Amino acid sequence: MASTTELLQCLNAQRGTEIHVGPWLTITQERIDAFAEVTGDVQWIHTDVERARRESPYGTTVAHGYLTLSLLPCLTESNHPDFFASNYPGMRYRVNYGLNRVRFPAPVKAGARIRARSNLLDFEVLPKGVQIIYLLTIEIEGEEKPACIAESVVRVYP
C-alpha cells in the first residue's frame, strides 16, 4: 500500500514510546450529573453530594468509570484535525475498533483534574488499512494511582 508508507515509518519510529500528554481537565459535579442523566446511572455515589460526603469512603461524589473512559477523545486530543494530519499521514479517516483491556484503579473525585498519556504499543498492516494499539493512562493530578488504564484499538484508512 503505497499510501501507507509514510504512516508506517512514523509508527515504527514511535512504537513503544509516549507520543502525547493531553491537557488537564477538571471533572465537575455538573459533568458527572449530566453523564448520570444521559446514561441512567444515577447511583448516589455519583449524584448525591450530601450523602456521598457522609457515607462514601471518598468523602465526596466520584465520576463514573465510563465517564472517565468516554472522555478519551477529549483528553488525548485525538479528534483535533491537526493531530490527525500529523499522526496519520496519508490516511483519510480513523475508526475506534475497540478496547482490549480497561481498568479503573482509582476513583475520580468531583473537582479533580485528569489528563491522558498516550503510548503507541503496536500496529499492523491490514488488507485495507492499518490497525494501531495504544496504551492510554488517565492520571489524576496529585494522586499516585491512575483513574483508568486502557488499551485502545483504532483503525486508519487511506
N, C-alpha and C. Protein backbone atom coordinates (compact mmCIF):
# COMPACT_ATOMS: atom_id res chain seq x y z
N MET A 1 0.84 -1.18 0.00
CA MET A 1 0.00 0.00 0.00
C MET A 1 0.88 1.24 0.00
N ALA A 2 1.01 1.84 -1.13
CA ALA A 2 1.89 2.99 -1.28
C ALA A 2 1.48 4.15 -0.37
N SER A 3 0.17 4.33 -0.15
CA SER A 3 -0.30 5.47 0.65
C SER A 3 0.00 5.31 2.14
N THR A 4 0.38 4.11 2.57
CA THR A 4 0.65 3.90 3.99
C THR A 4 2.14 3.97 4.35
N THR A 5 2.98 4.13 3.37
CA THR A 5 4.43 4.11 3.62
C THR A 5 4.85 5.14 4.65
N GLU A 6 4.41 6.40 4.49
CA GLU A 6 4.79 7.46 5.42
C GLU A 6 4.24 7.18 6.82
N LEU A 7 3.00 6.69 6.88
CA LEU A 7 2.40 6.35 8.17
C LEU A 7 3.20 5.26 8.87
N LEU A 8 3.55 4.21 8.15
CA LEU A 8 4.30 3.11 8.76
C LEU A 8 5.66 3.56 9.26
N GLN A 9 6.31 4.44 8.55
CA GLN A 9 7.59 4.98 9.02
C GLN A 9 7.40 5.76 10.32
N CYS A 10 6.36 6.55 10.36
CA CYS A 10 6.04 7.34 11.56
C CYS A 10 5.74 6.42 12.74
N LEU A 11 4.90 5.41 12.52
CA LEU A 11 4.52 4.48 13.59
C LEU A 11 5.72 3.67 14.06
N ASN A 12 6.55 3.25 13.15
CA ASN A 12 7.72 2.46 13.51
C ASN A 12 8.65 3.25 14.43
N ALA A 13 8.81 4.53 14.16
CA ALA A 13 9.67 5.39 14.97
C ALA A 13 9.09 5.62 16.37
N GLN A 14 7.77 5.52 16.49
CA GLN A 14 7.10 5.82 17.76
C GLN A 14 6.74 4.58 18.58
N ARG A 15 6.87 3.42 18.01
CA ARG A 15 6.46 2.19 18.70
C ARG A 15 7.15 2.10 20.06
N GLY A 16 6.34 1.84 21.09
CA GLY A 16 6.88 1.68 22.45
C GLY A 16 7.19 2.97 23.17
N THR A 17 6.78 4.11 22.62
CA THR A 17 7.09 5.38 23.26
C THR A 17 5.83 6.16 23.62
N GLU A 18 6.00 7.10 24.54
CA GLU A 18 4.92 8.03 24.85
C GLU A 18 4.85 9.03 23.72
N ILE A 19 3.67 9.16 23.13
CA ILE A 19 3.53 10.03 21.97
C ILE A 19 2.75 11.30 22.26
N HIS A 20 2.04 11.33 23.40
CA HIS A 20 1.22 12.52 23.68
C HIS A 20 0.86 12.57 25.15
N VAL A 21 0.86 13.79 25.69
CA VAL A 21 0.32 14.06 27.03
C VAL A 21 -0.72 15.15 26.83
N GLY A 22 -1.95 14.84 27.17
CA GLY A 22 -3.05 15.77 26.94
C GLY A 22 -3.15 16.84 28.00
N PRO A 23 -4.08 17.76 27.81
CA PRO A 23 -4.30 18.85 28.77
C PRO A 23 -5.06 18.36 30.00
N TRP A 24 -4.91 19.07 31.09
CA TRP A 24 -5.68 18.78 32.30
C TRP A 24 -7.13 19.18 32.08
N LEU A 25 -8.04 18.40 32.63
CA LEU A 25 -9.47 18.67 32.56
C LEU A 25 -10.06 18.50 33.95
N THR A 26 -10.79 19.49 34.42
CA THR A 26 -11.46 19.40 35.72
C THR A 26 -12.78 18.66 35.55
N ILE A 27 -12.99 17.68 36.42
CA ILE A 27 -14.24 16.91 36.39
C ILE A 27 -15.20 17.53 37.39
N THR A 28 -16.15 18.27 36.87
CA THR A 28 -17.10 18.99 37.73
C THR A 28 -18.29 18.10 38.10
N GLN A 29 -18.97 18.50 39.15
CA GLN A 29 -20.20 17.78 39.52
C GLN A 29 -21.24 17.92 38.42
N GLU A 30 -21.26 19.04 37.74
CA GLU A 30 -22.20 19.25 36.65
C GLU A 30 -21.96 18.23 35.52
N ARG A 31 -20.70 17.96 35.21
CA ARG A 31 -20.38 16.96 34.17
C ARG A 31 -20.82 15.58 34.63
N ILE A 32 -20.56 15.25 35.88
CA ILE A 32 -20.95 13.96 36.44
C ILE A 32 -22.47 13.80 36.39
N ASP A 33 -23.19 14.85 36.80
CA ASP A 33 -24.66 14.80 36.77
C ASP A 33 -25.20 14.65 35.36
N ALA A 34 -24.60 15.34 34.41
CA ALA A 34 -25.05 15.24 33.01
C ALA A 34 -24.83 13.82 32.49
N PHE A 35 -23.69 13.22 32.82
CA PHE A 35 -23.42 11.85 32.39
C PHE A 35 -24.42 10.89 33.04
N ALA A 36 -24.71 11.11 34.31
CA ALA A 36 -25.69 10.27 35.01
C ALA A 36 -27.05 10.35 34.33
N GLU A 37 -27.45 11.54 33.96
CA GLU A 37 -28.74 11.73 33.30
C GLU A 37 -28.79 11.02 31.96
N VAL A 38 -27.75 11.15 31.17
CA VAL A 38 -27.72 10.55 29.83
C VAL A 38 -27.70 9.03 29.90
N THR A 39 -26.95 8.47 30.85
CA THR A 39 -26.78 7.02 30.91
C THR A 39 -27.78 6.32 31.82
N GLY A 40 -28.47 7.09 32.65
CA GLY A 40 -29.40 6.48 33.61
C GLY A 40 -28.71 5.92 34.84
N ASP A 41 -27.40 6.14 34.98
CA ASP A 41 -26.66 5.67 36.15
C ASP A 41 -26.64 6.79 37.18
N VAL A 42 -27.67 6.81 38.00
CA VAL A 42 -27.83 7.88 38.99
C VAL A 42 -27.52 7.40 40.41
N GLN A 43 -26.67 6.40 40.52
CA GLN A 43 -26.27 5.89 41.83
C GLN A 43 -25.80 7.06 42.70
N TRP A 44 -26.17 7.04 43.97
CA TRP A 44 -25.91 8.15 44.87
C TRP A 44 -24.43 8.51 44.98
N ILE A 45 -23.54 7.56 44.82
CA ILE A 45 -22.11 7.86 44.97
C ILE A 45 -21.63 8.84 43.88
N HIS A 46 -22.41 8.95 42.80
CA HIS A 46 -22.09 9.89 41.74
C HIS A 46 -22.86 11.20 41.86
N THR A 47 -24.10 11.12 42.34
CA THR A 47 -25.01 12.27 42.19
C THR A 47 -25.48 12.93 43.48
N ASP A 48 -25.39 12.26 44.60
CA ASP A 48 -25.90 12.83 45.85
C ASP A 48 -24.72 13.36 46.69
N VAL A 49 -24.46 14.65 46.54
CA VAL A 49 -23.29 15.26 47.18
C VAL A 49 -23.32 15.11 48.69
N GLU A 50 -24.45 15.37 49.30
CA GLU A 50 -24.54 15.30 50.78
C GLU A 50 -24.37 13.86 51.28
N ARG A 51 -25.05 12.93 50.65
CA ARG A 51 -24.92 11.53 51.08
C ARG A 51 -23.49 11.04 50.86
N ALA A 52 -22.89 11.39 49.73
CA ALA A 52 -21.51 10.98 49.46
C ALA A 52 -20.56 11.57 50.51
N ARG A 53 -20.81 12.80 50.91
CA ARG A 53 -19.98 13.41 51.94
C ARG A 53 -20.06 12.61 53.25
N ARG A 54 -21.26 12.12 53.57
CA ARG A 54 -21.48 11.36 54.82
C ARG A 54 -21.08 9.90 54.72
N GLU A 55 -21.41 9.23 53.60
CA GLU A 55 -21.31 7.78 53.54
C GLU A 55 -20.25 7.20 52.62
N SER A 56 -19.79 7.97 51.67
CA SER A 56 -18.82 7.45 50.72
C SER A 56 -17.43 7.34 51.35
N PRO A 57 -16.69 6.30 51.03
CA PRO A 57 -15.32 6.20 51.55
C PRO A 57 -14.41 7.31 50.99
N TYR A 58 -14.88 8.03 49.97
CA TYR A 58 -14.09 9.09 49.34
C TYR A 58 -14.43 10.47 49.88
N GLY A 59 -15.51 10.58 50.67
CA GLY A 59 -15.89 11.84 51.26
C GLY A 59 -16.53 12.83 50.30
N THR A 60 -16.78 12.40 49.09
CA THR A 60 -17.39 13.24 48.06
C THR A 60 -17.92 12.33 46.96
N THR A 61 -18.59 12.93 45.99
CA THR A 61 -19.03 12.15 44.84
C THR A 61 -17.84 11.83 43.95
N VAL A 62 -18.00 10.80 43.14
CA VAL A 62 -16.96 10.39 42.20
C VAL A 62 -17.57 10.23 40.81
N ALA A 63 -16.71 10.44 39.81
CA ALA A 63 -17.14 10.27 38.43
C ALA A 63 -17.36 8.80 38.12
N HIS A 64 -18.26 8.53 37.21
CA HIS A 64 -18.46 7.18 36.70
C HIS A 64 -17.18 6.74 35.98
N GLY A 65 -16.81 5.49 36.11
CA GLY A 65 -15.67 5.00 35.35
C GLY A 65 -15.88 5.18 33.87
N TYR A 66 -17.10 4.95 33.40
CA TYR A 66 -17.38 5.09 31.98
C TYR A 66 -17.37 6.56 31.53
N LEU A 67 -17.63 7.48 32.44
CA LEU A 67 -17.47 8.90 32.10
C LEU A 67 -15.99 9.17 31.82
N THR A 68 -15.14 8.70 32.71
CA THR A 68 -13.71 8.88 32.53
C THR A 68 -13.27 8.28 31.19
N LEU A 69 -13.71 7.08 30.91
CA LEU A 69 -13.37 6.41 29.66
C LEU A 69 -13.89 7.19 28.45
N SER A 70 -15.10 7.70 28.54
CA SER A 70 -15.71 8.41 27.41
C SER A 70 -15.00 9.72 27.08
N LEU A 71 -14.22 10.23 28.01
CA LEU A 71 -13.50 11.48 27.78
C LEU A 71 -12.18 11.29 27.04
N LEU A 72 -11.83 10.06 26.67
CA LEU A 72 -10.56 9.82 25.99
C LEU A 72 -10.36 10.67 24.73
N PRO A 73 -11.34 10.84 23.85
CA PRO A 73 -11.10 11.69 22.68
C PRO A 73 -10.70 13.12 23.08
N CYS A 74 -11.35 13.65 24.10
CA CYS A 74 -11.02 15.00 24.58
C CYS A 74 -9.64 15.01 25.24
N LEU A 75 -9.39 14.06 26.11
CA LEU A 75 -8.15 14.02 26.87
C LEU A 75 -6.92 13.73 26.01
N THR A 76 -7.09 12.98 24.95
CA THR A 76 -5.96 12.66 24.06
C THR A 76 -5.85 13.66 22.90
N GLU A 77 -6.86 14.52 22.76
CA GLU A 77 -6.93 15.48 21.66
C GLU A 77 -6.89 14.77 20.30
N SER A 78 -7.32 13.52 20.28
CA SER A 78 -7.17 12.69 19.09
C SER A 78 -8.13 13.04 17.96
N ASN A 79 -9.13 13.85 18.22
CA ASN A 79 -10.05 14.23 17.15
C ASN A 79 -9.77 15.62 16.60
N HIS A 80 -8.73 16.26 17.09
CA HIS A 80 -8.35 17.56 16.56
C HIS A 80 -7.77 17.38 15.16
N PRO A 81 -8.19 18.18 14.18
CA PRO A 81 -7.71 18.00 12.80
C PRO A 81 -6.18 18.02 12.68
N ASP A 82 -5.50 18.88 13.41
CA ASP A 82 -4.04 18.93 13.33
C ASP A 82 -3.42 17.65 13.87
N PHE A 83 -4.00 17.09 14.93
CA PHE A 83 -3.49 15.85 15.50
C PHE A 83 -3.60 14.72 14.48
N PHE A 84 -4.75 14.63 13.83
CA PHE A 84 -4.95 13.57 12.86
C PHE A 84 -3.95 13.68 11.71
N ALA A 85 -3.82 14.86 11.15
CA ALA A 85 -2.94 15.05 9.99
C ALA A 85 -1.48 14.74 10.33
N SER A 86 -1.04 15.12 11.52
CA SER A 86 0.37 14.90 11.86
C SER A 86 0.65 13.47 12.34
N ASN A 87 -0.35 12.78 12.85
CA ASN A 87 -0.14 11.44 13.38
C ASN A 87 -0.54 10.31 12.44
N TYR A 88 -1.31 10.63 11.43
CA TYR A 88 -1.76 9.61 10.48
C TYR A 88 -1.54 10.08 9.05
N PRO A 89 -0.31 10.38 8.67
CA PRO A 89 -0.07 10.88 7.30
C PRO A 89 -0.54 9.88 6.25
N GLY A 90 -1.21 10.41 5.23
CA GLY A 90 -1.69 9.58 4.13
C GLY A 90 -3.03 8.92 4.40
N MET A 91 -3.59 9.11 5.59
CA MET A 91 -4.86 8.47 5.93
C MET A 91 -6.00 9.48 5.83
N ARG A 92 -7.18 8.97 5.47
CA ARG A 92 -8.36 9.83 5.35
C ARG A 92 -9.24 9.81 6.59
N TYR A 93 -9.35 8.63 7.23
CA TYR A 93 -10.22 8.56 8.40
C TYR A 93 -9.78 7.47 9.36
N ARG A 94 -10.29 7.60 10.58
CA ARG A 94 -9.95 6.66 11.66
C ARG A 94 -11.25 6.21 12.32
N VAL A 95 -11.30 4.94 12.72
CA VAL A 95 -12.45 4.42 13.47
C VAL A 95 -11.95 3.74 14.74
N ASN A 96 -12.74 3.86 15.79
CA ASN A 96 -12.45 3.11 17.00
C ASN A 96 -12.86 1.67 16.74
N TYR A 97 -11.93 0.75 16.93
CA TYR A 97 -12.22 -0.66 16.69
C TYR A 97 -12.60 -1.37 17.98
N GLY A 98 -12.12 -0.85 19.12
CA GLY A 98 -12.49 -1.45 20.39
C GLY A 98 -11.42 -1.26 21.44
N LEU A 99 -11.59 -1.99 22.51
CA LEU A 99 -10.67 -1.95 23.64
C LEU A 99 -10.26 -3.37 23.98
N ASN A 100 -8.98 -3.57 24.18
CA ASN A 100 -8.51 -4.89 24.59
C ASN A 100 -8.65 -5.09 26.09
N ARG A 101 -8.47 -4.03 26.83
CA ARG A 101 -8.47 -4.14 28.29
C ARG A 101 -8.72 -2.76 28.87
N VAL A 102 -9.56 -2.70 29.90
CA VAL A 102 -9.82 -1.44 30.60
C VAL A 102 -9.85 -1.72 32.10
N ARG A 103 -9.18 -0.86 32.86
CA ARG A 103 -9.20 -0.96 34.32
C ARG A 103 -9.37 0.45 34.90
N PHE A 104 -10.01 0.52 36.07
CA PHE A 104 -10.22 1.78 36.77
C PHE A 104 -9.59 1.67 38.17
N PRO A 105 -8.27 1.84 38.29
CA PRO A 105 -7.58 1.63 39.56
C PRO A 105 -7.93 2.62 40.68
N ALA A 106 -8.33 3.85 40.33
CA ALA A 106 -8.62 4.85 41.36
C ALA A 106 -9.82 5.70 40.94
N PRO A 107 -10.62 6.13 41.92
CA PRO A 107 -11.77 6.96 41.60
C PRO A 107 -11.37 8.40 41.28
N VAL A 108 -12.18 9.03 40.45
CA VAL A 108 -12.00 10.45 40.15
C VAL A 108 -13.02 11.22 40.97
N LYS A 109 -12.55 11.92 41.97
CA LYS A 109 -13.45 12.70 42.83
C LYS A 109 -13.92 13.94 42.10
N ALA A 110 -15.14 14.36 42.40
CA ALA A 110 -15.66 15.60 41.82
C ALA A 110 -14.69 16.73 42.15
N GLY A 111 -14.36 17.53 41.13
CA GLY A 111 -13.42 18.63 41.30
C GLY A 111 -11.99 18.29 40.96
N ALA A 112 -11.69 16.99 40.78
CA ALA A 112 -10.32 16.56 40.45
C ALA A 112 -9.99 16.92 39.01
N ARG A 113 -8.69 17.02 38.75
CA ARG A 113 -8.23 17.24 37.38
C ARG A 113 -7.57 15.97 36.87
N ILE A 114 -7.89 15.63 35.61
CA ILE A 114 -7.33 14.44 34.99
C ILE A 114 -6.71 14.80 33.65
N ARG A 115 -5.80 13.95 33.18
CA ARG A 115 -5.24 14.08 31.84
C ARG A 115 -4.81 12.70 31.36
N ALA A 116 -4.62 12.59 30.05
CA ALA A 116 -4.26 11.29 29.47
C ALA A 116 -2.84 11.31 28.92
N ARG A 117 -2.18 10.18 29.09
CA ARG A 117 -0.88 9.93 28.48
C ARG A 117 -1.09 8.81 27.48
N SER A 118 -0.54 8.98 26.28
CA SER A 118 -0.73 8.00 25.20
C SER A 118 0.61 7.39 24.81
N ASN A 119 0.66 6.07 24.81
CA ASN A 119 1.82 5.32 24.32
C ASN A 119 1.38 4.49 23.13
N LEU A 120 2.22 4.44 22.12
CA LEU A 120 1.93 3.60 20.96
C LEU A 120 2.52 2.22 21.26
N LEU A 121 1.66 1.24 21.46
CA LEU A 121 2.12 -0.12 21.78
C LEU A 121 2.56 -0.88 20.54
N ASP A 122 1.68 -0.92 19.54
CA ASP A 122 1.97 -1.75 18.37
C ASP A 122 1.05 -1.35 17.21
N PHE A 123 1.33 -1.89 16.05
CA PHE A 123 0.50 -1.67 14.88
C PHE A 123 0.69 -2.84 13.92
N GLU A 124 -0.29 -2.98 13.04
CA GLU A 124 -0.17 -4.00 11.99
C GLU A 124 -0.89 -3.53 10.74
N VAL A 125 -0.35 -3.91 9.61
CA VAL A 125 -0.95 -3.57 8.33
C VAL A 125 -2.10 -4.55 8.07
N LEU A 126 -3.23 -4.01 7.69
CA LEU A 126 -4.41 -4.79 7.32
C LEU A 126 -4.57 -4.73 5.81
N PRO A 127 -5.43 -5.56 5.25
CA PRO A 127 -5.62 -5.52 3.79
C PRO A 127 -6.01 -4.14 3.26
N LYS A 128 -6.79 -3.36 4.04
CA LYS A 128 -7.24 -2.06 3.54
C LYS A 128 -6.87 -0.89 4.44
N GLY A 129 -6.02 -1.11 5.42
CA GLY A 129 -5.67 -0.03 6.33
C GLY A 129 -4.60 -0.47 7.32
N VAL A 130 -4.55 0.23 8.45
CA VAL A 130 -3.57 -0.06 9.50
C VAL A 130 -4.29 -0.07 10.84
N GLN A 131 -4.03 -1.09 11.64
CA GLN A 131 -4.57 -1.18 12.99
C GLN A 131 -3.48 -0.77 13.98
N ILE A 132 -3.85 0.11 14.92
CA ILE A 132 -2.89 0.64 15.88
C ILE A 132 -3.42 0.39 17.29
N ILE A 133 -2.53 -0.03 18.18
CA ILE A 133 -2.91 -0.26 19.57
C ILE A 133 -2.17 0.75 20.45
N TYR A 134 -2.94 1.49 21.22
CA TYR A 134 -2.39 2.48 22.15
C TYR A 134 -2.62 2.04 23.58
N LEU A 135 -1.69 2.36 24.45
CA LEU A 135 -1.90 2.24 25.89
C LEU A 135 -2.21 3.64 26.38
N LEU A 136 -3.41 3.83 26.91
CA LEU A 136 -3.85 5.13 27.39
C LEU A 136 -3.96 5.09 28.90
N THR A 137 -3.32 6.04 29.56
CA THR A 137 -3.35 6.12 31.01
C THR A 137 -3.91 7.48 31.40
N ILE A 138 -5.03 7.47 32.12
CA ILE A 138 -5.62 8.71 32.60
C ILE A 138 -5.16 8.90 34.04
N GLU A 139 -4.37 9.94 34.25
CA GLU A 139 -3.86 10.20 35.59
C GLU A 139 -4.69 11.27 36.27
N ILE A 140 -4.66 11.23 37.60
CA ILE A 140 -5.37 12.19 38.43
C ILE A 140 -4.31 13.08 39.08
N GLU A 141 -4.47 14.37 38.93
CA GLU A 141 -3.48 15.29 39.48
C GLU A 141 -3.32 15.08 40.99
N GLY A 142 -2.08 14.88 41.42
CA GLY A 142 -1.78 14.71 42.83
C GLY A 142 -2.01 13.32 43.39
N GLU A 143 -2.44 12.39 42.56
CA GLU A 143 -2.72 11.03 43.02
C GLU A 143 -1.67 10.06 42.45
N GLU A 144 -1.38 9.02 43.21
CA GLU A 144 -0.40 8.03 42.78
C GLU A 144 -0.97 7.07 41.73
N LYS A 145 -2.18 6.59 41.98
CA LYS A 145 -2.79 5.63 41.06
C LYS A 145 -3.55 6.36 39.95
N PRO A 146 -3.54 5.79 38.75
CA PRO A 146 -4.32 6.40 37.66
C PRO A 146 -5.81 6.11 37.80
N ALA A 147 -6.61 6.92 37.14
CA ALA A 147 -8.06 6.72 37.11
C ALA A 147 -8.45 5.60 36.17
N CYS A 148 -7.69 5.48 35.08
CA CYS A 148 -8.04 4.50 34.05
C CYS A 148 -6.80 4.11 33.27
N ILE A 149 -6.73 2.84 32.93
CA ILE A 149 -5.71 2.33 32.02
C ILE A 149 -6.47 1.52 30.98
N ALA A 150 -6.24 1.83 29.71
CA ALA A 150 -6.98 1.15 28.65
C ALA A 150 -6.09 0.92 27.44
N GLU A 151 -6.25 -0.24 26.83
CA GLU A 151 -5.65 -0.49 25.52
C GLU A 151 -6.71 -0.19 24.47
N SER A 152 -6.45 0.81 23.68
CA SER A 152 -7.38 1.24 22.64
C SER A 152 -6.90 0.75 21.29
N VAL A 153 -7.82 0.21 20.51
CA VAL A 153 -7.50 -0.28 19.17
C VAL A 153 -8.23 0.62 18.17
N VAL A 154 -7.45 1.24 17.28
CA VAL A 154 -8.04 2.06 16.23
C VAL A 154 -7.58 1.55 14.87
N ARG A 155 -8.38 1.84 13.89
CA ARG A 155 -8.00 1.50 12.52
C ARG A 155 -8.06 2.78 11.68
N VAL A 156 -7.03 2.95 10.86
CA VAL A 156 -6.97 4.11 9.97
C VAL A 156 -6.93 3.62 8.53
N TYR A 157 -7.53 4.42 7.66
CA TYR A 157 -7.69 4.02 6.27
C TYR A 157 -7.30 5.14 5.32
N PRO A 158 -6.64 4.77 4.21
CA PRO A 158 -6.26 5.78 3.21
C PRO A 158 -7.46 6.24 2.39
